[in-house]
Amino acid sequence: MSVFIEDTARNNLASWTIEAAGTGAVQGAVLSPFSTPRHRTSYKQSARETVNRIQEAGREAWFDAETHALQMPAVGDYRYYDDWPLWASGRGQLASPGDIRSHVELVFATQDDLGVPHLAPTVLLHSPQSATSRLALQMAEAAVELNPSCALTIAGDASFWAGGSLLDAHIGAMAQLEPGAWRLTVVRALTVLPAPAMPEEIHGLARTARALSENAVVQLSHGDLAALPAVAAGATVIGVKDRRSSLDVIARIPHL
């Protein structure tokens, strides 16, 4: 199992990743358009500089467009986000197949410009069977059509992951796309620690990781210690929020 350090508002993603890489378990870092500016500012280095530092240290860099964050109730800080060329028809516009494809194309083009792997965008899911879940499937289909080996994201709140047989049906439809990798994330409206996780959502996340890991690498976004049950089920990468979290997770690995 390996660890990715997720982006934060602080200007230390590259330094944390390089320092934590000394443990031998940190594989790389994931940049966010909400946290890392496209161009250098007076107090934050540019995304290109961050990627270069991480890659020069022999670690992987990824860019997650985090389109699903646009549907979160507390989102609203777009000071860095709107500088990224991710939308042709206005931020969050996914009303037509053309809108969907153009957004995926722009995300992939941005990742190409940074020299990082293709990680497809998605929308936030509250239910495994809804118009939004169908939209998520359409976005995934567009991404795989453009690049069959891309990584697909599935992002849902606790209700989504606790969806039981409906969750299994949605995951089954997604699995038929056979991408190069998966990135799973549990989205929470409040950053309360410890996370108020329900047994049903933990079971759903672990069941999903087990099923998808049969044919591709499964990453847990922003998982920290709560993601370890999914690692036991088959996930191989955990995303953590900072250097200390990475050390905490690594310390638990021998006990799985």
Protein backbone atom coordinates (compact mmCIF):
# COMPACT_ATOMS: atom_id res chain seq x y z
CA MET A 1 0.00 0.00 0.00
CA SER A 2 1.16 3.55 -0.70
CA VAL A 3 0.14 7.08 0.26
CA PHE A 4 -0.64 10.24 -1.71
CA ILE A 5 -0.59 13.62 0.01
CA GLU A 6 -3.60 15.74 -0.96
CA ASP A 7 -3.45 19.46 -1.69
CA THR A 8 -4.10 22.03 1.03
CA ALA A 9 -4.38 25.82 1.26
CA ARG A 10 -0.84 25.93 2.63
CA ASN A 11 2.14 26.46 0.35
CA ASN A 12 3.92 23.24 1.25
CA LEU A 13 2.49 20.39 -0.82
CA ALA A 14 5.79 19.75 -2.62
CA SER A 15 7.96 20.04 0.50
CA TRP A 16 5.67 17.76 2.54
CA THR A 17 5.60 15.19 -0.24
CA ILE A 18 9.37 15.21 -0.67
CA GLU A 19 9.98 15.02 3.08
CA ALA A 20 7.42 12.25 3.68
CA ALA A 21 8.80 10.34 0.71
CA GLY A 22 11.70 9.43 2.98
CA THR A 23 9.41 6.94 4.70
CA GLY A 24 9.35 4.89 1.50
CA ALA A 25 5.55 4.65 1.39
CA VAL A 26 4.63 8.06 -0.07
CA GLN A 27 4.03 7.68 -3.79
CA GLY A 28 3.25 11.29 -4.65
CA ALA A 29 0.77 14.13 -4.36
CA VAL A 30 -2.54 15.32 -5.80
CA LEU A 31 -2.99 18.97 -6.80
CA SER A 32 -6.32 20.78 -6.58
CA PRO A 33 -7.40 23.84 -8.63
CA PHE A 34 -8.98 25.20 -5.45
CA SER A 35 -5.69 25.13 -3.53
CA THR A 36 -2.89 25.49 -6.09
CA PRO A 37 -2.81 28.47 -8.47
CA ARG A 38 -2.22 27.96 -12.15
CA HIS A 39 0.25 30.86 -12.12
CA ARG A 40 2.68 31.87 -9.37
CA THR A 41 1.36 34.40 -6.85
CA SER A 42 3.19 36.54 -4.30
CA TYR A 43 3.02 33.72 -1.75
CA LYS A 44 2.27 30.47 -3.64
CA GLN A 45 4.25 28.76 -6.35
CA SER A 46 2.55 27.75 -9.58
CA ALA A 47 1.16 24.31 -10.32
CA ARG A 48 3.93 23.70 -12.84
CA GLU A 49 6.60 24.48 -10.23
CA THR A 50 4.92 22.17 -7.71
CA VAL A 51 4.66 19.33 -10.24
CA ASN A 52 8.29 19.76 -11.31
CA ARG A 53 9.56 19.59 -7.71
CA ILE A 54 7.54 16.45 -6.98
CA GLN A 55 8.57 14.71 -10.19
CA GLU A 56 12.23 15.67 -9.79
CA ALA A 57 12.11 13.96 -6.39
CA GLY A 58 11.04 10.76 -8.14
CA ARG A 59 7.41 10.90 -7.01
CA GLU A 60 4.11 11.05 -8.94
CA ALA A 61 2.04 14.20 -9.34
CA TRP A 62 -1.68 14.16 -10.17
CA PHE A 63 -4.19 16.93 -10.82
CA ASP A 64 -7.77 16.38 -9.62
CA ALA A 65 -10.19 18.88 -11.20
CA GLU A 66 -12.53 18.24 -8.24
CA THR A 67 -15.63 19.04 -10.27
CA HIS A 68 -17.65 17.23 -7.61
CA ALA A 69 -16.68 19.95 -5.11
CA LEU A 70 -18.81 22.45 -7.05
CA GLN A 71 -21.91 20.69 -5.70
CA MET A 72 -20.80 20.93 -2.06
CA PRO A 73 -22.79 23.42 0.04
CA ALA A 74 -19.78 25.25 1.52
CA VAL A 75 -17.79 25.78 -1.69
CA GLY A 76 -17.28 29.38 -2.70
CA ASP A 77 -13.59 30.28 -2.84
CA TYR A 78 -12.77 30.42 -6.55
CA ARG A 79 -9.73 32.75 -6.41
CA TYR A 80 -7.48 30.05 -7.91
CA TYR A 81 -10.10 27.82 -9.51
CA ASP A 82 -11.37 30.31 -12.07
CA ASP A 83 -7.87 30.80 -13.51
CA TRP A 84 -7.86 27.19 -14.67
CA PRO A 85 -9.24 26.59 -18.23
CA LEU A 86 -11.65 23.80 -17.25
CA TRP A 87 -14.93 25.03 -18.72
CA ALA A 88 -16.04 26.15 -22.19
CA SER A 89 -19.65 27.04 -21.30
CA GLY A 90 -19.29 28.50 -17.82
CA ARG A 91 -18.30 26.97 -14.50
CA GLY A 92 -20.32 23.85 -13.67
CA GLN A 93 -22.22 23.71 -16.96
CA LEU A 94 -22.93 20.04 -17.74
CA ALA A 95 -26.40 20.29 -19.27
CA SER A 96 -25.65 18.63 -22.61
CA PRO A 97 -23.41 15.89 -24.01
CA GLY A 98 -21.35 18.64 -25.64
CA ASP A 99 -20.85 20.36 -22.29
CA ILE A 100 -19.77 17.08 -20.72
CA ARG A 101 -17.29 16.19 -23.43
CA SER A 102 -15.77 19.68 -23.60
CA HIS A 103 -15.24 19.73 -19.82
CA VAL A 104 -13.54 16.33 -19.86
CA GLU A 105 -11.40 17.39 -22.83
CA LEU A 106 -10.32 20.57 -21.05
CA VAL A 107 -9.48 18.69 -17.86
CA PHE A 108 -7.36 16.22 -19.82
CA ALA A 109 -5.69 19.07 -21.75
CA THR A 110 -4.82 20.76 -18.46
CA GLN A 111 -3.32 17.52 -17.15
CA ASP A 112 -1.35 17.11 -20.39
CA ASP A 113 0.00 20.64 -19.97
CA LEU A 114 1.16 19.79 -16.45
CA GLY A 115 2.60 16.45 -17.54
CA VAL A 116 0.46 14.38 -15.17
CA PRO A 117 -1.83 11.35 -15.73
CA HIS A 118 -5.43 11.69 -16.90
CA LEU A 119 -7.85 11.70 -13.96
CA ALA A 120 -11.43 12.21 -15.13
CA PRO A 121 -13.80 14.68 -13.43
CA THR A 122 -17.13 13.65 -11.95
CA VAL A 123 -20.11 15.04 -10.03
CA LEU A 124 -21.07 14.59 -6.39
CA LEU A 125 -23.55 11.77 -5.77
CA HIS A 126 -26.15 11.58 -3.01
CA SER A 127 -27.96 8.54 -4.37
CA PRO A 128 -26.74 5.63 -6.52
CA GLN A 129 -29.93 5.78 -8.62
CA SER A 130 -30.77 9.28 -9.80
CA ALA A 131 -30.39 11.72 -12.67
CA THR A 132 -27.06 12.78 -11.14
CA SER A 133 -25.76 9.22 -11.04
CA ARG A 134 -26.64 8.89 -14.72
CA LEU A 135 -24.71 12.13 -15.36
CA ALA A 136 -21.70 10.69 -13.53
CA LEU A 137 -21.86 7.61 -15.76
CA GLN A 138 -22.06 9.80 -18.89
CA MET A 139 -18.99 11.75 -17.78
CA ALA A 140 -17.11 8.52 -17.14
CA GLU A 141 -18.10 7.19 -20.57
CA ALA A 142 -16.86 10.38 -22.25
CA ALA A 143 -13.56 10.14 -20.37
CA VAL A 144 -12.95 6.50 -21.30
CA GLU A 145 -13.83 7.24 -24.92
CA LEU A 146 -11.14 9.92 -24.95
CA ASN A 147 -8.60 7.83 -23.05
CA PRO A 148 -9.42 4.19 -22.19
CA SER A 149 -6.58 4.04 -19.66
CA CYS A 150 -7.58 7.14 -17.69
CA ALA A 151 -8.45 7.03 -13.98
CA LEU A 152 -12.12 7.47 -13.07
CA THR A 153 -13.41 9.15 -9.92
CA ILE A 154 -16.49 8.12 -7.93
CA ALA A 155 -17.41 10.79 -5.37
CA GLY A 156 -20.37 10.44 -3.03
CA ASP A 157 -21.61 11.43 0.39
CA ALA A 158 -22.39 9.02 3.21
CA SER A 159 -25.89 8.30 1.86
CA PHE A 160 -24.47 7.31 -1.51
CA TRP A 161 -21.93 4.88 -0.05
CA ALA A 162 -24.61 3.42 2.22
CA GLY A 163 -26.84 2.73 -0.79
CA GLY A 164 -26.75 -1.07 -0.52
CA SER A 165 -27.87 -2.94 -3.63
CA LEU A 166 -28.45 0.32 -5.53
CA LEU A 167 -24.81 1.25 -4.89
CA ASP A 168 -23.72 -2.15 -6.17
CA ALA A 169 -25.74 -1.63 -9.37
CA HIS A 170 -24.14 1.77 -10.03
CA ILE A 171 -20.66 0.42 -9.35
CA GLY A 172 -21.38 -2.49 -11.68
CA ALA A 173 -22.27 -0.10 -14.49
CA MET A 174 -19.13 1.94 -13.88
CA ALA A 175 -16.93 -1.16 -13.69
CA GLN A 176 -17.92 -2.14 -17.23
CA LEU A 177 -15.94 0.87 -18.50
CA GLU A 178 -12.69 -0.82 -17.37
CA PRO A 179 -10.52 2.32 -16.83
CA GLY A 180 -6.85 2.28 -15.88
CA ALA A 181 -7.49 3.16 -12.22
CA TRP A 182 -10.17 4.27 -9.76
CA ARG A 183 -10.29 7.13 -7.26
CA LEU A 184 -12.98 6.84 -4.59
CA THR A 185 -13.92 9.60 -2.19
CA VAL A 186 -16.41 10.11 0.64
CA VAL A 187 -17.54 13.74 0.65
CA ARG A 188 -18.62 15.28 3.95
CA ALA A 189 -20.30 18.64 4.46
CA LEU A 190 -18.47 19.27 7.75
CA THR A 191 -14.82 18.70 8.61
CA VAL A 192 -15.43 17.07 11.97
CA LEU A 193 -12.89 14.67 13.45
CA PRO A 194 -13.35 11.84 13.94
CA ALA A 195 -15.56 11.58 10.88
CA PRO A 196 -19.14 10.56 11.77
CA ALA A 197 -19.06 7.45 9.57
CA MET A 198 -21.92 4.96 9.49
CA PRO A 199 -21.30 1.19 9.35
CA GLU A 200 -23.33 1.02 6.10
CA GLU A 201 -21.13 3.53 4.29
CA ILE A 202 -17.92 1.85 5.46
CA HIS A 203 -19.30 -1.46 4.22
CA GLY A 204 -20.28 0.10 0.90
CA LEU A 205 -16.89 1.71 0.38
CA ALA A 206 -15.04 -1.48 1.29
CA ARG A 207 -17.33 -3.57 -0.94
CA THR A 208 -16.72 -1.18 -3.83
CA ALA A 209 -12.95 -1.23 -3.31
CA ARG A 210 -13.02 -5.03 -3.28
CA ALA A 211 -14.98 -5.25 -6.52
CA LEU A 212 -13.05 -2.62 -8.47
CA SER A 213 -9.62 -3.79 -7.32
CA GLU A 214 -10.08 -7.00 -9.30
CA ASN A 215 -9.02 -5.22 -12.50
CA ALA A 216 -7.41 -1.89 -11.58
CA VAL A 217 -5.66 0.08 -8.86
CA VAL A 218 -8.07 1.69 -6.38
CA GLN A 219 -7.16 4.97 -4.66
CA LEU A 220 -9.00 6.37 -1.64
CA SER A 221 -9.13 10.18 -1.80
CA HIS A 222 -8.73 12.05 1.51
CA GLY A 223 -9.04 8.73 3.31
CA ASP A 224 -6.64 9.01 6.24
CA LEU A 225 -7.20 6.39 8.95
CA ALA A 226 -10.89 5.97 8.10
CA ALA A 227 -9.90 4.46 4.73
CA LEU A 228 -7.97 1.54 6.19
CA PRO A 229 -10.96 -0.88 6.06
CA ALA A 230 -11.11 -0.26 2.30
CA VAL A 231 -7.39 -1.00 2.08
CA ALA A 232 -8.02 -4.32 3.78
CA ALA A 233 -10.70 -4.95 1.16
CA GLY A 234 -8.48 -4.22 -1.84
CA ALA A 235 -7.58 -0.52 -2.21
CA THR A 236 -3.86 0.10 -2.60
CA VAL A 237 -3.51 3.90 -2.30
CA ILE A 238 -4.74 6.29 0.40
CA GLY A 239 -4.86 10.07 0.01
CA VAL A 240 -4.03 11.94 3.22
CA LYS A 241 -4.25 15.62 4.00
CA ASP A 242 -0.79 16.34 5.42
CA ARG A 243 2.59 15.02 6.46
CA ARG A 244 1.51 13.92 9.95
CA SER A 245 -1.49 12.02 8.58
CA SER A 246 0.78 10.15 6.18
CA LEU A 247 2.98 9.01 9.05
CA ASP A 248 -0.07 7.96 11.09
CA VAL A 249 -1.43 5.87 8.23
CA ILE A 250 1.93 4.28 7.49
CA ALA A 251 2.29 3.31 11.16
CA ARG A 252 -1.01 1.37 10.96
CA ILE A 253 -0.19 -0.58 7.81
CA PRO A 254 1.58 -3.52 9.53
CA HIS A 255 -1.53 -4.09 11.65
CA LEU A 256 -3.88 -4.68 8.70
